[in-house]
Amino acid sequence: MIQFVVGAAAGYVFGTKAGRRRYEQIKKASSAAINSPVAKKAMKATRKAIAEKLDPQPRMKEVRNLKTADGHSVLEPDED
């Protein structure tokens, strides 16, 4: 608890010394980093990896124009 209070106080002091201009710079840089195509691609890959870990059953889709002799559909993993 004491560490949190000390950290919050230090952040407040440094924040007030840096001023509004520095705050806007940090905000703009973080927004640009979050909205960059590289970050979005990494986020998508991370979400997909987590989803695959949480859902062990792969999503399947039907292969078009491919049926077995007894009329059953042939399935393959869905890449989306």
N, C-alpha and C. Protein backbone atom coordinates (compact mmCIF):
# COMPACT_ATOMS: atom_id res chain seq x y z
N MET A 1 0.84 -1.19 0.00
CA MET A 1 0.00 0.00 0.00
C MET A 1 0.88 1.25 0.00
N ILE A 2 1.92 1.21 0.81
CA ILE A 2 2.81 2.37 0.90
C ILE A 2 3.52 2.58 -0.44
N GLN A 3 3.90 1.47 -1.09
CA GLN A 3 4.57 1.58 -2.39
C GLN A 3 3.64 2.24 -3.42
N PHE A 4 2.37 1.90 -3.37
CA PHE A 4 1.41 2.50 -4.29
C PHE A 4 1.30 4.00 -4.06
N VAL A 5 1.21 4.41 -2.81
CA VAL A 5 1.09 5.84 -2.48
C VAL A 5 2.34 6.59 -2.91
N VAL A 6 3.51 6.01 -2.65
CA VAL A 6 4.77 6.65 -3.04
C VAL A 6 4.84 6.75 -4.57
N GLY A 7 4.45 5.68 -5.27
CA GLY A 7 4.46 5.70 -6.73
C GLY A 7 3.49 6.72 -7.31
N ALA A 8 2.31 6.80 -6.73
CA ALA A 8 1.32 7.77 -7.19
C ALA A 8 1.81 9.20 -6.95
N ALA A 9 2.42 9.44 -5.80
CA ALA A 9 2.94 10.77 -5.49
C ALA A 9 4.08 11.14 -6.45
N ALA A 10 4.98 10.18 -6.71
CA ALA A 10 6.08 10.45 -7.64
C ALA A 10 5.54 10.73 -9.04
N GLY A 11 4.56 9.95 -9.47
CA GLY A 11 3.95 10.18 -10.78
C GLY A 11 3.30 11.54 -10.87
N TYR A 12 2.64 11.95 -9.81
CA TYR A 12 1.99 13.26 -9.79
C TYR A 12 3.03 14.37 -9.90
N VAL A 13 4.11 14.26 -9.11
CA VAL A 13 5.15 15.30 -9.10
C VAL A 13 5.81 15.38 -10.48
N PHE A 14 6.21 14.23 -11.02
CA PHE A 14 6.86 14.25 -12.33
C PHE A 14 5.89 14.70 -13.42
N GLY A 15 4.64 14.31 -13.30
CA GLY A 15 3.64 14.71 -14.27
C GLY A 15 3.39 16.20 -14.28
N THR A 16 3.34 16.80 -13.11
CA THR A 16 3.10 18.24 -13.06
C THR A 16 4.32 19.02 -13.53
N LYS A 17 5.51 18.46 -13.30
CA LYS A 17 6.70 19.14 -13.78
C LYS A 17 6.82 19.05 -15.30
N ALA A 18 6.39 17.93 -15.88
CA ALA A 18 6.49 17.77 -17.32
C ALA A 18 5.50 18.67 -18.05
N GLY A 19 4.34 18.86 -17.48
CA GLY A 19 3.37 19.76 -18.07
C GLY A 19 2.46 19.11 -19.09
N ARG A 20 1.54 19.92 -19.55
CA ARG A 20 0.51 19.45 -20.48
C ARG A 20 1.09 19.08 -21.83
N ARG A 21 2.09 19.79 -22.29
CA ARG A 21 2.69 19.53 -23.60
C ARG A 21 3.28 18.12 -23.65
N ARG A 22 4.02 17.75 -22.60
CA ARG A 22 4.63 16.42 -22.55
C ARG A 22 3.54 15.34 -22.46
N TYR A 23 2.48 15.61 -21.71
CA TYR A 23 1.37 14.68 -21.62
C TYR A 23 0.77 14.42 -22.99
N GLU A 24 0.57 15.48 -23.77
CA GLU A 24 0.01 15.34 -25.11
C GLU A 24 0.96 14.56 -26.02
N GLN A 25 2.28 14.76 -25.86
CA GLN A 25 3.26 14.01 -26.65
C GLN A 25 3.16 12.52 -26.34
N ILE A 26 3.11 12.20 -25.06
CA ILE A 26 3.02 10.80 -24.64
C ILE A 26 1.72 10.18 -25.14
N LYS A 27 0.63 10.91 -25.02
CA LYS A 27 -0.67 10.42 -25.46
C LYS A 27 -0.67 10.16 -26.97
N LYS A 28 -0.10 11.08 -27.75
CA LYS A 28 -0.05 10.94 -29.20
C LYS A 28 0.82 9.74 -29.60
N ALA A 29 1.98 9.59 -28.94
CA ALA A 29 2.88 8.48 -29.25
C ALA A 29 2.25 7.13 -28.91
N SER A 30 1.58 7.05 -27.77
CA SER A 30 0.95 5.78 -27.39
C SER A 30 -0.21 5.45 -28.32
N SER A 31 -0.95 6.45 -28.74
CA SER A 31 -2.06 6.23 -29.67
C SER A 31 -1.53 5.75 -31.02
N ALA A 32 -0.44 6.35 -31.48
CA ALA A 32 0.15 5.94 -32.76
C ALA A 32 0.68 4.51 -32.68
N ALA A 33 1.26 4.15 -31.55
CA ALA A 33 1.79 2.79 -31.39
C ALA A 33 0.67 1.76 -31.34
N ILE A 34 -0.40 2.06 -30.65
CA ILE A 34 -1.52 1.13 -30.52
C ILE A 34 -2.24 0.96 -31.84
N ASN A 35 -2.37 2.02 -32.62
CA ASN A 35 -3.13 1.97 -33.86
C ASN A 35 -2.29 1.62 -35.09
N SER A 36 -1.02 1.30 -34.89
CA SER A 36 -0.16 0.96 -36.04
C SER A 36 -0.55 -0.42 -36.59
N PRO A 37 -0.32 -0.64 -37.88
CA PRO A 37 -0.64 -1.94 -38.48
C PRO A 37 0.13 -3.09 -37.84
N VAL A 38 1.36 -2.85 -37.43
CA VAL A 38 2.16 -3.90 -36.80
C VAL A 38 1.54 -4.32 -35.47
N ALA A 39 1.12 -3.34 -34.68
CA ALA A 39 0.49 -3.64 -33.39
C ALA A 39 -0.83 -4.37 -33.59
N LYS A 40 -1.61 -3.97 -34.60
CA LYS A 40 -2.88 -4.63 -34.86
C LYS A 40 -2.66 -6.07 -35.30
N LYS A 41 -1.63 -6.30 -36.12
CA LYS A 41 -1.32 -7.65 -36.58
C LYS A 41 -0.88 -8.52 -35.39
N ALA A 42 -0.05 -7.96 -34.52
CA ALA A 42 0.39 -8.70 -33.33
C ALA A 42 -0.78 -9.01 -32.41
N MET A 43 -1.68 -8.07 -32.26
CA MET A 43 -2.86 -8.28 -31.41
C MET A 43 -3.74 -9.38 -31.98
N LYS A 44 -3.92 -9.38 -33.30
CA LYS A 44 -4.75 -10.40 -33.95
C LYS A 44 -4.12 -11.79 -33.76
N ALA A 45 -2.81 -11.88 -33.93
CA ALA A 45 -2.12 -13.16 -33.76
C ALA A 45 -2.21 -13.64 -32.31
N THR A 46 -2.07 -12.72 -31.38
CA THR A 46 -2.17 -13.07 -29.97
C THR A 46 -3.57 -13.55 -29.62
N ARG A 47 -4.57 -12.84 -30.08
CA ARG A 47 -5.96 -13.26 -29.81
C ARG A 47 -6.25 -14.62 -30.42
N LYS A 48 -5.74 -14.87 -31.62
CA LYS A 48 -5.96 -16.16 -32.27
C LYS A 48 -5.29 -17.28 -31.48
N ALA A 49 -4.07 -17.04 -31.02
CA ALA A 49 -3.35 -18.05 -30.24
C ALA A 49 -4.08 -18.35 -28.93
N ILE A 50 -4.57 -17.32 -28.27
CA ILE A 50 -5.30 -17.52 -27.02
C ILE A 50 -6.61 -18.27 -27.29
N ALA A 51 -7.30 -17.90 -28.37
CA ALA A 51 -8.56 -18.57 -28.70
C ALA A 51 -8.33 -20.05 -28.99
N GLU A 52 -7.24 -20.35 -29.67
CA GLU A 52 -6.94 -21.75 -29.96
C GLU A 52 -6.61 -22.53 -28.69
N LYS A 53 -5.97 -21.88 -27.74
CA LYS A 53 -5.68 -22.55 -26.46
C LYS A 53 -6.95 -22.77 -25.66
N LEU A 54 -7.87 -21.82 -25.71
CA LEU A 54 -9.10 -21.92 -24.94
C LEU A 54 -10.12 -22.85 -25.60
N ASP A 55 -10.09 -22.95 -26.93
CA ASP A 55 -11.03 -23.76 -27.68
C ASP A 55 -10.26 -24.87 -28.38
N PRO A 56 -10.10 -26.02 -27.73
CA PRO A 56 -9.27 -27.08 -28.33
C PRO A 56 -9.89 -27.71 -29.57
N GLN A 57 -11.21 -27.56 -29.76
CA GLN A 57 -11.85 -28.10 -30.95
C GLN A 57 -11.65 -27.12 -32.12
N PRO A 58 -10.95 -27.53 -33.16
CA PRO A 58 -10.75 -26.61 -34.29
C PRO A 58 -12.05 -26.33 -35.02
N ARG A 59 -12.19 -25.15 -35.51
CA ARG A 59 -13.36 -24.81 -36.31
C ARG A 59 -13.17 -25.43 -37.69
N MET A 60 -14.21 -26.06 -38.16
CA MET A 60 -14.13 -26.77 -39.43
C MET A 60 -15.08 -26.14 -40.44
N LYS A 61 -14.73 -26.27 -41.71
CA LYS A 61 -15.62 -25.82 -42.78
C LYS A 61 -15.72 -26.92 -43.82
N GLU A 62 -16.82 -26.90 -44.55
CA GLU A 62 -17.05 -27.92 -45.55
C GLU A 62 -16.26 -27.59 -46.81
N VAL A 63 -15.61 -28.59 -47.37
CA VAL A 63 -14.89 -28.42 -48.64
C VAL A 63 -15.94 -28.49 -49.74
N ARG A 64 -15.98 -27.47 -50.56
CA ARG A 64 -16.99 -27.41 -51.62
C ARG A 64 -16.77 -28.48 -52.67
N ASN A 65 -17.87 -28.96 -53.20
CA ASN A 65 -17.86 -29.92 -54.31
C ASN A 65 -17.08 -31.19 -53.97
N LEU A 66 -17.06 -31.56 -52.72
CA LEU A 66 -16.34 -32.77 -52.33
C LEU A 66 -17.22 -33.54 -51.37
N LYS A 67 -17.71 -34.65 -51.79
CA LYS A 67 -18.56 -35.51 -50.97
C LYS A 67 -17.97 -36.92 -51.00
N THR A 68 -18.17 -37.64 -49.92
CA THR A 68 -17.73 -39.02 -49.89
C THR A 68 -18.74 -39.87 -50.64
N ALA A 69 -18.41 -41.13 -50.85
CA ALA A 69 -19.29 -42.03 -51.59
C ALA A 69 -20.63 -42.21 -50.90
N ASP A 70 -20.65 -42.12 -49.58
CA ASP A 70 -21.92 -42.30 -48.86
C ASP A 70 -22.64 -40.98 -48.61
N GLY A 71 -22.20 -39.88 -49.23
CA GLY A 71 -22.91 -38.61 -49.15
C GLY A 71 -22.50 -37.69 -48.02
N HIS A 72 -21.50 -38.06 -47.26
CA HIS A 72 -21.05 -37.20 -46.17
C HIS A 72 -20.13 -36.10 -46.70
N SER A 73 -20.11 -34.98 -45.99
CA SER A 73 -19.25 -33.86 -46.39
C SER A 73 -17.83 -34.07 -45.89
N VAL A 74 -16.89 -33.51 -46.62
CA VAL A 74 -15.50 -33.52 -46.21
C VAL A 74 -15.21 -32.17 -45.56
N LEU A 75 -14.59 -32.20 -44.37
CA LEU A 75 -14.31 -30.97 -43.63
C LEU A 75 -12.82 -30.72 -43.57
N GLU A 76 -12.47 -29.44 -43.46
CA GLU A 76 -11.08 -29.03 -43.28
C GLU A 76 -11.05 -27.91 -42.25
N PRO A 77 -9.91 -27.67 -41.62
CA PRO A 77 -9.84 -26.58 -40.62
C PRO A 77 -10.12 -25.23 -41.26
N ASP A 78 -10.85 -24.41 -40.53
CA ASP A 78 -11.15 -23.06 -40.98
C ASP A 78 -10.03 -22.15 -40.55
N GLU A 79 -9.44 -21.41 -41.46
CA GLU A 79 -8.28 -20.57 -41.17
C GLU A 79 -8.65 -19.23 -40.57
N ASP A 80 -9.90 -18.83 -40.57
CA ASP A 80 -10.28 -17.50 -40.06
C ASP A 80 -10.33 -17.50 -38.59
